[in-house]
C-alpha cells in the first residue's frame, strides 16, 4: 500500500532521487546490484552494489515494485524535498 508523507493537496508525483529498501526484523538487507539489475542480498552480489537505486517518479516506483516482487519490508521513494517521500508498506 502506497503511503505519502505529505498531506492531500501537497503531494508530489515527481522530483524524487532514489529508492531505498528497509528490511523487516530478522531479514537480510537488500542491495541494488548494478550488474544483475535487481535487488539482492549483499553476500550474493558480484560487482558494484548500492543500498539505493535511482528512481525519479511515482510511476517508475510502482513499476519497480511490480518487477521486483522479492522486495520484503518497506520501500521508500526519497524526495528531493523534506516531507514529501512516499512509502510502500506491505500489510
C-alpha atoms as a PDB file:
ATOM      1  CA  UNK A   1       0.000   0.000   0.000  1.00  0.00           C
ATOM      2  CA  UNK A   2       1.418   3.367  -1.032  1.00  0.00           C
ATOM      3  CA  UNK A   3       1.629   5.929   1.781  1.00  0.00           C
ATOM      4  CA  UNK A   4       2.520   9.584   1.404  1.00  0.00           C
ATOM      5  CA  UNK A   5       4.416  11.706   3.899  1.00  0.00           C
ATOM      6  CA  UNK A   6       2.764  14.898   2.628  1.00  0.00           C
ATOM      7  CA  UNK A   7      -0.918  15.704   3.236  1.00  0.00           C
ATOM      8  CA  UNK A   8      -3.502  15.612   0.429  1.00  0.00           C
ATOM      9  CA  UNK A   9      -3.181  18.631  -1.833  1.00  0.00           C
ATOM     10  CA  UNK A  10       0.573  18.968  -1.297  1.00  0.00           C
ATOM     11  CA  UNK A  11       1.719  15.611  -2.694  1.00  0.00           C
ATOM     12  CA  UNK A  12       4.295  15.323  -5.468  1.00  0.00           C
ATOM     13  CA  UNK A  13       4.422  12.649  -8.179  1.00  0.00           C
ATOM     14  CA  UNK A  14       7.900  13.550  -9.422  1.00  0.00           C
ATOM     15  CA  UNK A  15      11.125  15.220  -8.220  1.00  0.00           C
ATOM     16  CA  UNK A  16      12.415  12.133  -6.434  1.00  0.00           C
ATOM     17  CA  UNK A  17      16.023  10.993  -6.078  1.00  0.00           C
ATOM     18  CA  UNK A  18      16.162   7.259  -5.371  1.00  0.00           C
ATOM     19  CA  UNK A  19      14.536   4.189  -3.847  1.00  0.00           C
ATOM     20  CA  UNK A  20      15.879   2.527  -0.719  1.00  0.00           C
ATOM     21  CA  UNK A  21      14.608  -0.669   0.909  1.00  0.00           C
ATOM     22  CA  UNK A  22      14.307  -1.171   4.678  1.00  0.00           C
ATOM     23  CA  UNK A  23      14.260  -4.844   5.671  1.00  0.00           C
ATOM     24  CA  UNK A  24      11.980  -6.364   8.273  1.00  0.00           C
ATOM     25  CA  UNK A  25      13.442  -7.520  11.561  1.00  0.00           C
ATOM     26  CA  UNK A  26      15.414 -10.752  11.203  1.00  0.00           C
ATOM     27  CA  UNK A  27      15.719 -10.482   7.397  1.00  0.00           C
ATOM     28  CA  UNK A  28      18.775  -9.690   5.315  1.00  0.00           C
ATOM     29  CA  UNK A  29      19.008  -6.185   3.885  1.00  0.00           C
ATOM     30  CA  UNK A  30      18.589  -5.928   0.108  1.00  0.00           C
ATOM     31  CA  UNK A  31      21.116  -4.110  -2.072  1.00  0.00           C
ATOM     32  CA  UNK A  32      20.749  -2.993  -5.703  1.00  0.00           C
ATOM     33  CA  UNK A  33      23.150  -4.949  -7.916  1.00  0.00           C
ATOM     34  CA  UNK A  34      24.208  -2.816 -10.894  1.00  0.00           C
ATOM     35  CA  UNK A  35      25.468  -5.819 -12.880  1.00  0.00           C
ATOM     36  CA  UNK A  36      22.406  -8.052 -12.326  1.00  0.00           C
ATOM     37  CA  UNK A  37      19.954  -5.096 -12.283  1.00  0.00           C
ATOM     38  CA  UNK A  38      17.921  -6.463  -9.366  1.00  0.00           C
ATOM     39  CA  UNK A  39      17.625  -6.287  -5.570  1.00  0.00           C
ATOM     40  CA  UNK A  40      19.757  -8.968  -3.925  1.00  0.00           C
ATOM     41  CA  UNK A  41      21.260  -9.987  -0.593  1.00  0.00           C
ATOM     42  CA  UNK A  42      24.704  -8.412  -0.263  1.00  0.00           C
ATOM     43  CA  UNK A  43      26.567 -11.742   0.023  1.00  0.00           C
ATOM     44  CA  UNK A  44      25.207 -12.881  -3.378  1.00  0.00           C
ATOM     45  CA  UNK A  45      26.358  -9.793  -5.293  1.00  0.00           C
ATOM     46  CA  UNK A  46      29.387  -9.905  -7.570  1.00  0.00           C
ATOM     47  CA  UNK A  47      30.330  -6.412  -8.689  1.00  0.00           C
ATOM     48  CA  UNK A  48      29.191  -2.901  -7.785  1.00  0.00           C
ATOM     49  CA  UNK A  49      26.195  -2.518  -5.458  1.00  0.00           C
ATOM     50  CA  UNK A  50      24.324   0.185  -3.588  1.00  0.00           C
ATOM     51  CA  UNK A  51      21.619   0.439  -0.933  1.00  0.00           C
ATOM     52  CA  UNK A  52      19.644   2.756  -3.217  1.00  0.00           C
ATOM     53  CA  UNK A  53      18.560   2.826  -6.856  1.00  0.00           C
ATOM     54  CA  UNK A  54      17.777   5.870  -8.961  1.00  0.00           C
ATOM     55  CA  UNK A  55      14.055   6.436  -9.448  1.00  0.00           C
ATOM     56  CA  UNK A  56      12.555   9.813 -10.316  1.00  0.00           C
ATOM     57  CA  UNK A  57       8.754   9.431 -10.428  1.00  0.00           C
ATOM     58  CA  UNK A  58       5.875   7.690  -8.682  1.00  0.00           C
ATOM     59  CA  UNK A  59       5.069   5.795 -11.897  1.00  0.00           C
ATOM     60  CA  UNK A  60       8.582   4.324 -12.132  1.00  0.00           C
ATOM     61  CA  UNK A  61       8.469   3.481  -8.387  1.00  0.00           C
ATOM     62  CA  UNK A  62       5.269   1.461  -8.855  1.00  0.00           C
ATOM     63  CA  UNK A  63       6.743  -0.277 -11.906  1.00  0.00           C
ATOM     64  CA  UNK A  64       9.901  -1.154  -9.946  1.00  0.00           C
ATOM     65  CA  UNK A  65       7.788  -2.680  -7.139  1.00  0.00           C
ATOM     66  CA  UNK A  66       5.864  -4.755  -9.695  1.00  0.00           C
ATOM     67  CA  UNK A  67       9.020  -6.010 -11.438  1.00  0.00           C
ATOM     68  CA  UNK A  68      10.834  -6.898  -8.191  1.00  0.00           C
ATOM     69  CA  UNK A  69       8.432  -8.946  -6.043  1.00  0.00           C
ATOM     70  CA  UNK A  70      11.370 -10.159  -3.905  1.00  0.00           C
ATOM     71  CA  UNK A  71      11.327  -6.846  -2.016  1.00  0.00           C
ATOM     72  CA  UNK A  72      10.195  -7.673   1.501  1.00  0.00           C
ATOM     73  CA  UNK A  73       9.942  -4.873   4.010  1.00  0.00           C
ATOM     74  CA  UNK A  74       9.432  -1.190   3.392  1.00  0.00           C
ATOM     75  CA  UNK A  75      10.480   0.521   0.173  1.00  0.00           C
ATOM     76  CA  UNK A  76      10.904   4.298   0.298  1.00  0.00           C
ATOM     77  CA  UNK A  77      10.862   6.678  -2.669  1.00  0.00           C
ATOM     78  CA  UNK A  78      13.034   9.522  -1.373  1.00  0.00           C
ATOM     79  CA  UNK A  79      12.014  13.041  -2.395  1.00  0.00           C
ATOM     80  CA  UNK A  80      14.349  15.929  -3.144  1.00  0.00           C
ATOM     81  CA  UNK A  81      12.313  17.922  -0.645  1.00  0.00           C
ATOM     82  CA  UNK A  82      11.901  17.159   3.055  1.00  0.00           C
ATOM     83  CA  UNK A  83       8.495  15.785   3.995  1.00  0.00           C
ATOM     84  CA  UNK A  84       7.463  14.565   0.534  1.00  0.00           C
ATOM     85  CA  UNK A  85       8.751  10.961   0.455  1.00  0.00           C
ATOM     86  CA  UNK A  86       6.482   8.046  -0.484  1.00  0.00           C
ATOM     87  CA  UNK A  87       6.482   4.605   1.203  1.00  0.00           C
ATOM     88  CA  UNK A  88       5.312   1.152   0.228  1.00  0.00           C
ATOM     89  CA  UNK A  89       4.282  -0.589   3.446  1.00  0.00           C
ATOM     90  CA  UNK A  90       3.401  -4.269   3.000  1.00  0.00           C
ATOM     91  CA  UNK A  91       0.391  -5.075   5.140  1.00  0.00           C
END
